[in-house]
Amino acid sequence: MTVPLPSDPRGASPEQLRTEVAAAVAGLDGLADRPLAEHVEAFERVHAALGAALAQGSAPGAA
């Protein structure tokens, strides 16, 4: 299911926001093959990247 995303007030399109979210989630690729000690850091990076990408679409003035 594709969730429509609002436009970024800086001019990023919904497709650009989707790309940023996909890139963030891609940080979990291969996680099962990495040592358990690396999992927390990977989740923290993905969480931060998702927060940044999603905050762009929910910023005041977003279409």
PDB file of N, CA and C in Angstrom:
ATOM      1  N   MET A   1       0.844  -1.179   0.000  1.00  0.00           N
ATOM      2  CA  MET A   1       0.000   0.000   0.000  1.00  0.00           C
ATOM      3  C   MET A   1       0.887   1.238   0.000  1.00  0.00           C
ATOM      4  N   THR A   2       0.617   2.162  -0.869  1.00  0.00           N
ATOM      5  CA  THR A   2       1.364   3.406  -0.929  1.00  0.00           C
ATOM      6  C   THR A   2       0.604   4.465  -0.152  1.00  0.00           C
ATOM      7  N   VAL A   3       1.288   5.049   0.802  1.00  0.00           N
ATOM      8  CA  VAL A   3       0.674   6.100   1.619  1.00  0.00           C
ATOM      9  C   VAL A   3       1.040   7.441   1.022  1.00  0.00           C
ATOM     10  N   PRO A   4       0.053   8.272   0.693  1.00  0.00           N
ATOM     11  CA  PRO A   4       0.388   9.579   0.141  1.00  0.00           C
ATOM     12  C   PRO A   4       1.069  10.442   1.193  1.00  0.00           C
ATOM     13  N   LEU A   5       2.114  11.106   0.791  1.00  0.00           N
ATOM     14  CA  LEU A   5       2.843  11.997   1.686  1.00  0.00           C
ATOM     15  C   LEU A   5       2.659  13.432   1.228  1.00  0.00           C
ATOM     16  N   PRO A   6       2.565  14.360   2.152  1.00  0.00           N
ATOM     17  CA  PRO A   6       2.443  15.766   1.772  1.00  0.00           C
ATOM     18  C   PRO A   6       3.747  16.279   1.188  1.00  0.00           C
ATOM     19  N   SER A   7       3.666  17.380   0.479  1.00  0.00           N
ATOM     20  CA  SER A   7       4.868  18.000  -0.071  1.00  0.00           C
ATOM     21  C   SER A   7       5.688  18.637   1.034  1.00  0.00           C
ATOM     22  N   ASP A   8       6.973  18.644   0.864  1.00  0.00           N
ATOM     23  CA  ASP A   8       7.903  19.269   1.797  1.00  0.00           C
ATOM     24  C   ASP A   8       7.842  20.783   1.575  1.00  0.00           C
ATOM     25  N   PRO A   9       7.752  21.583   2.638  1.00  0.00           N
ATOM     26  CA  PRO A   9       7.683  23.035   2.467  1.00  0.00           C
ATOM     27  C   PRO A   9       8.928  23.596   1.787  1.00  0.00           C
ATOM     28  N   ARG A  10      10.016  22.837   1.764  1.00  0.00           N
ATOM     29  CA  ARG A  10      11.235  23.295   1.085  1.00  0.00           C
ATOM     30  C   ARG A  10      11.194  22.961  -0.393  1.00  0.00           C
ATOM     31  N   GLY A  11      10.107  22.325  -0.837  1.00  0.00           N
ATOM     32  CA  GLY A  11       9.979  22.030  -2.251  1.00  0.00           C
ATOM     33  C   GLY A  11      10.152  20.569  -2.602  1.00  0.00           C
ATOM     34  N   ALA A  12      10.433  19.688  -1.638  1.00  0.00           N
ATOM     35  CA  ALA A  12      10.567  18.269  -1.943  1.00  0.00           C
ATOM     36  C   ALA A  12       9.198  17.703  -2.290  1.00  0.00           C
ATOM     37  N   SER A  13       9.160  16.884  -3.284  1.00  0.00           N
ATOM     38  CA  SER A  13       7.899  16.276  -3.709  1.00  0.00           C
ATOM     39  C   SER A  13       7.578  15.068  -2.827  1.00  0.00           C
ATOM     40  N   PRO A  14       6.328  14.617  -2.866  1.00  0.00           N
ATOM     41  CA  PRO A  14       5.994  13.393  -2.129  1.00  0.00           C
ATOM     42  C   PRO A  14       6.883  12.221  -2.543  1.00  0.00           C
ATOM     43  N   GLU A  15       7.229  12.150  -3.821  1.00  0.00           N
ATOM     44  CA  GLU A  15       8.106  11.065  -4.284  1.00  0.00           C
ATOM     45  C   GLU A  15       9.497  11.171  -3.653  1.00  0.00           C
ATOM     46  N   GLN A  16      10.008  12.382  -3.498  1.00  0.00           N
ATOM     47  CA  GLN A  16      11.306  12.563  -2.844  1.00  0.00           C
ATOM     48  C   GLN A  16      11.231  12.132  -1.382  1.00  0.00           C
ATOM     49  N   LEU A  17      10.124  12.449  -0.724  1.00  0.00           N
ATOM     50  CA  LEU A  17       9.946  12.026   0.668  1.00  0.00           C
ATOM     51  C   LEU A  17       9.867  10.505   0.755  1.00  0.00           C
ATOM     52  N   ARG A  18       9.138   9.871  -0.181  1.00  0.00           N
ATOM     53  CA  ARG A  18       9.068   8.406  -0.204  1.00  0.00           C
ATOM     54  C   ARG A  18      10.458   7.812  -0.383  1.00  0.00           C
ATOM     55  N   THR A  19      11.253   8.439  -1.238  1.00  0.00           N
ATOM     56  CA  THR A  19      12.613   7.967  -1.482  1.00  0.00           C
ATOM     57  C   THR A  19      13.449   8.065  -0.214  1.00  0.00           C
ATOM     58  N   GLU A  20      13.301   9.156   0.525  1.00  0.00           N
ATOM     59  CA  GLU A  20      14.038   9.315   1.776  1.00  0.00           C
ATOM     60  C   GLU A  20      13.625   8.263   2.796  1.00  0.00           C
ATOM     61  N   VAL A  21      12.324   7.989   2.878  1.00  0.00           N
ATOM     62  CA  VAL A  21      11.837   6.975   3.817  1.00  0.00           C
ATOM     63  C   VAL A  21      12.364   5.601   3.401  1.00  0.00           C
ATOM     64  N   ALA A  22      12.307   5.295   2.112  1.00  0.00           N
ATOM     65  CA  ALA A  22      12.812   4.008   1.633  1.00  0.00           C
ATOM     66  C   ALA A  22      14.302   3.858   1.912  1.00  0.00           C
ATOM     67  N   ALA A  23      15.052   4.938   1.728  1.00  0.00           N
ATOM     68  CA  ALA A  23      16.491   4.895   2.004  1.00  0.00           C
ATOM     69  C   ALA A  23      16.748   4.658   3.495  1.00  0.00           C
ATOM     70  N   ALA A  24      15.934   5.279   4.334  1.00  0.00           N
ATOM     71  CA  ALA A  24      16.096   5.086   5.773  1.00  0.00           C
ATOM     72  C   ALA A  24      15.826   3.637   6.153  1.00  0.00           C
ATOM     73  N   VAL A  25      14.731   3.090   5.652  1.00  0.00           N
ATOM     74  CA  VAL A  25      14.357   1.711   5.975  1.00  0.00           C
ATOM     75  C   VAL A  25      15.382   0.724   5.409  1.00  0.00           C
ATOM     76  N   ALA A  26      16.008   1.078   4.308  1.00  0.00           N
ATOM     77  CA  ALA A  26      17.032   0.208   3.728  1.00  0.00           C
ATOM     78  C   ALA A  26      18.200  -0.008   4.689  1.00  0.00           C
ATOM     79  N   GLY A  27      18.319   0.858   5.694  1.00  0.00           N
ATOM     80  CA  GLY A  27      19.357   0.671   6.704  1.00  0.00           C
ATOM     81  C   GLY A  27      19.168  -0.601   7.511  1.00  0.00           C
ATOM     82  N   LEU A  28      18.004  -1.224   7.391  1.00  0.00           N
ATOM     83  CA  LEU A  28      17.739  -2.488   8.085  1.00  0.00           C
ATOM     84  C   LEU A  28      18.058  -3.699   7.212  1.00  0.00           C
ATOM     85  N   ASP A  29      18.356  -3.468   5.931  1.00  0.00           N
ATOM     86  CA  ASP A  29      18.688  -4.570   5.029  1.00  0.00           C
ATOM     87  C   ASP A  29      19.882  -5.343   5.569  1.00  0.00           C
ATOM     88  N   GLY A  30      19.761  -6.626   5.604  1.00  0.00           N
ATOM     89  CA  GLY A  30      20.859  -7.481   6.044  1.00  0.00           C
ATOM     90  C   GLY A  30      21.085  -7.485   7.542  1.00  0.00           C
ATOM     91  N   LEU A  31      20.178  -6.895   8.286  1.00  0.00           N
ATOM     92  CA  LEU A  31      20.356  -6.803   9.741  1.00  0.00           C
ATOM     93  C   LEU A  31      20.498  -8.188  10.369  1.00  0.00           C
ATOM     94  N   ALA A  32      19.765  -9.156   9.874  1.00  0.00           N
ATOM     95  CA  ALA A  32      19.827 -10.505  10.429  1.00  0.00           C
ATOM     96  C   ALA A  32      21.216 -11.132  10.280  1.00  0.00           C
ATOM     97  N   ASP A  33      21.972 -10.654   9.306  1.00  0.00           N
ATOM     98  CA  ASP A  33      23.306 -11.198   9.070  1.00  0.00           C
ATOM     99  C   ASP A  33      24.388 -10.457   9.848  1.00  0.00           C
ATOM    100  N   ARG A  34      24.014  -9.367  10.496  1.00  0.00           N
ATOM    101  CA  ARG A  34      24.998  -8.587  11.269  1.00  0.00           C
ATOM    102  C   ARG A  34      25.024  -9.064  12.715  1.00  0.00           C
ATOM    103  N   PRO A  35      26.152  -8.842  13.385  1.00  0.00           N
ATOM    104  CA  PRO A  35      26.234  -9.224  14.802  1.00  0.00           C
ATOM    105  C   PRO A  35      25.168  -8.486  15.615  1.00  0.00           C
ATOM    106  N   LEU A  36      24.644  -9.163  16.603  1.00  0.00           N
ATOM    107  CA  LEU A  36      23.605  -8.588  17.454  1.00  0.00           C
ATOM    108  C   LEU A  36      24.049  -7.261  18.063  1.00  0.00           C
ATOM    109  N   ALA A  37      25.303  -7.129  18.364  1.00  0.00           N
ATOM    110  CA  ALA A  37      25.824  -5.899  18.968  1.00  0.00           C
ATOM    111  C   ALA A  37      25.634  -4.681  18.054  1.00  0.00           C
ATOM    112  N   GLU A  38      25.465  -4.890  16.764  1.00  0.00           N
ATOM    113  CA  GLU A  38      25.293  -3.783  15.813  1.00  0.00           C
ATOM    114  C   GLU A  38      23.823  -3.390  15.632  1.00  0.00           C
ATOM    115  N   HIS A  39      22.907  -4.190  16.136  1.00  0.00           N
ATOM    116  CA  HIS A  39      21.485  -3.945  15.888  1.00  0.00           C
ATOM    117  C   HIS A  39      20.987  -2.632  16.486  1.00  0.00           C
ATOM    118  N   VAL A  40      21.350  -2.340  17.715  1.00  0.00           N
ATOM    119  CA  VAL A  40      20.849  -1.111  18.352  1.00  0.00           C
ATOM    120  C   VAL A  40      21.284   0.108  17.564  1.00  0.00           C
ATOM    121  N   GLU A  41      22.541   0.155  17.171  1.00  0.00           N
ATOM    122  CA  GLU A  41      23.040   1.296  16.398  1.00  0.00           C
ATOM    123  C   GLU A  41      22.298   1.409  15.062  1.00  0.00           C
ATOM    124  N   ALA A  42      22.037   0.289  14.410  1.00  0.00           N
ATOM    125  CA  ALA A  42      21.311   0.313  13.130  1.00  0.00           C
ATOM    126  C   ALA A  42      19.896   0.844  13.333  1.00  0.00           C
ATOM    127  N   PHE A  43      19.208   0.367  14.389  1.00  0.00           N
ATOM    128  CA  PHE A  43      17.856   0.855  14.660  1.00  0.00           C
ATOM    129  C   PHE A  43      17.859   2.348  14.981  1.00  0.00           C
ATOM    130  N   GLU A  44      18.852   2.801  15.717  1.00  0.00           N
ATOM    131  CA  GLU A  44      18.932   4.233  16.059  1.00  0.00           C
ATOM    132  C   GLU A  44      19.141   5.085  14.815  1.00  0.00           C
ATOM    133  N   ARG A  45      20.001   4.635  13.904  1.00  0.00           N
ATOM    134  CA  ARG A  45      20.231   5.379  12.653  1.00  0.00           C
ATOM    135  C   ARG A  45      18.956   5.443  11.821  1.00  0.00           C
ATOM    136  N   VAL A  46      18.271   4.309  11.698  1.00  0.00           N
ATOM    137  CA  VAL A  46      17.043   4.266  10.906  1.00  0.00           C
ATOM    138  C   VAL A  46      15.967   5.131  11.557  1.00  0.00           C
ATOM    139  N   HIS A  47      15.852   5.065  12.861  1.00  0.00           N
ATOM    140  CA  HIS A  47      14.859   5.867  13.577  1.00  0.00           C
ATOM    141  C   HIS A  47      15.106   7.356  13.346  1.00  0.00           C
ATOM    142  N   ALA A  48      16.356   7.783  13.452  1.00  0.00           N
ATOM    143  CA  ALA A  48      16.694   9.191  13.242  1.00  0.00           C
ATOM    144  C   ALA A  48      16.403   9.617  11.805  1.00  0.00           C
ATOM    145  N   ALA A  49      16.754   8.770  10.845  1.00  0.00           N
ATOM    146  CA  ALA A  49      16.520   9.099   9.441  1.00  0.00           C
ATOM    147  C   ALA A  49      15.029   9.165   9.129  1.00  0.00           C
ATOM    148  N   LEU A  50      14.250   8.242   9.689  1.00  0.00           N
ATOM    149  CA  LEU A  50      12.800   8.281   9.480  1.00  0.00           C
ATOM    150  C   LEU A  50      12.191   9.523  10.119  1.00  0.00           C
ATOM    151  N   GLY A  51      12.631   9.841  11.311  1.00  0.00           N
ATOM    152  CA  GLY A  51      12.125  11.041  11.986  1.00  0.00           C
ATOM    153  C   GLY A  51      12.388  12.287  11.170  1.00  0.00           C
ATOM    154  N   ALA A  52      13.587  12.396  10.623  1.00  0.00           N
ATOM    155  CA  ALA A  52      13.945  13.564   9.814  1.00  0.00           C
ATOM    156  C   ALA A  52      13.104  13.620   8.541  1.00  0.00           C
ATOM    157  N   ALA A  53      12.954  12.481   7.867  1.00  0.00           N
ATOM    158  CA  ALA A  53      12.185  12.457   6.620  1.00  0.00           C
ATOM    159  C   ALA A  53      10.712  12.759   6.874  1.00  0.00           C
ATOM    160  N   LEU A  54      10.154  12.169   7.902  1.00  0.00           N
ATOM    161  CA  LEU A  54       8.733  12.372   8.175  1.00  0.00           C
ATOM    162  C   LEU A  54       8.444  13.767   8.722  1.00  0.00           C
ATOM    163  N   ALA A  55       9.375  14.339   9.448  1.00  0.00           N
ATOM    164  CA  ALA A  55       9.182  15.700   9.978  1.00  0.00           C
ATOM    165  C   ALA A  55       9.100  16.711   8.844  1.00  0.00           C
ATOM    166  N   GLN A  56       9.771  16.437   7.744  1.00  0.00           N
ATOM    167  CA  GLN A  56       9.711  17.363   6.612  1.00  0.00           C
ATOM    168  C   GLN A  56       8.307  17.475   6.069  1.00  0.00           C
ATOM    169  N   GLY A  57       7.611  16.364   6.004  1.00  0.00           N
ATOM    170  CA  GLY A  57       6.262  16.367   5.452  1.00  0.00           C
ATOM    171  C   GLY A  57       5.218  16.875   6.411  1.00  0.00           C
ATOM    172  N   SER A  58       5.549  16.938   7.706  1.00  0.00           N
ATOM    173  CA  SER A  58       4.568  17.408   8.673  1.00  0.00           C
ATOM    174  C   SER A  58       4.919  18.776   9.219  1.00  0.00           C
ATOM    175  N   ALA A  59       5.898  19.427   8.624  1.00  0.00           N
ATOM    176  CA  ALA A  59       6.295  20.765   9.068  1.00  0.00           C
ATOM    177  C   ALA A  59       5.181  21.763   8.779  1.00  0.00           C
ATOM    178  N   PRO A  60       5.047  22.793   9.603  1.00  0.00           N
ATOM    179  CA  PRO A  60       4.027  23.825   9.337  1.00  0.00           C
ATOM    180  C   PRO A  60       4.189  24.360   7.908  1.00  0.00           C
ATOM    181  N   GLY A  61       3.080  24.480   7.229  1.00  0.00           N
ATOM    182  CA  GLY A  61       3.106  24.986   5.874  1.00  0.00           C
ATOM    183  C   GLY A  61       3.198  23.895   4.824  1.00  0.00           C
ATOM    184  N   ALA A  62       3.310  22.646   5.273  1.00  0.00           N
ATOM    185  CA  ALA A  62       3.380  21.553   4.308  1.00  0.00           C
ATOM    186  C   ALA A  62       2.016  21.438   3.622  1.00  0.00           C
ATOM    187  N   ALA A  63       2.063  21.188   2.322  1.00  0.00           N
ATOM    188  CA  ALA A  63       0.813  21.081   1.552  1.00  0.00           C
ATOM    189  C   ALA A  63       0.103  19.797   1.841  1.00  0.00           C
TER     190      ALA A  63
END
